[in-house]
Amino acid sequence: MNIITEDLFLQYGLRFLVQQKKIALNDNEVIFDFDHNFIILTNSLTLSEIKKSEHSFERFLLHPCLKIKKNLSLKELSKKLNYKSWNTRYPEEFKSPLTRKERAIFACILNAGRHSDMFSNGVCDSNTFRTHKYNILRKMNIPSIAMLAQVHNRWESYLKRLMH
């Protein structure tokens, strides 16, 4: 079992639940601190396949996994983490639901590109940008660009830790 988080309170709490046998996790299962509101449960095979892909962050966001709210009671959290049907899913051929233009805007957002650059280069106008941004966030089930940036930073720090 691997817990990937910078939140020591969360890490110690989850390890305590495992030691107390309130949560039964296999060695290949990974708990990933997704953002301020959610943790996700996946497995190491899936994560290694995602890391190898060309658009790893996009694939990470769109891959089916068990997403759990952090504000659950310990009893509810234990029950959710012990739910195993999510683990029968294996990495499959990745087909992004994002359109070509949405991918370009997604890449610009992640690279902290200024929106004015996109408008001056003729990529799209401001209304089109807003529409694509809305569609990207909806498809990725993320409420805001700020949350997307936060999750992206966590993903990048996870990848850096793996490199060292």
Foldseek 3Di string as FASTA:
>chain_A
DEEQDPPVVVVVVVVVCVVVVLADDDPQKYWYPQFPFKIWIAGNQQLVVLVPDPPSLQCVLQPDTQIDTPPDDSNVVSVSNNDCPRHVDGDDDDDHPQDPLLVVLVVCLQVVHDVVVCVVVVSDDPVVSVVSLVVSCVSSVHDDSVSVNRSVVSVVVVVVVVVD
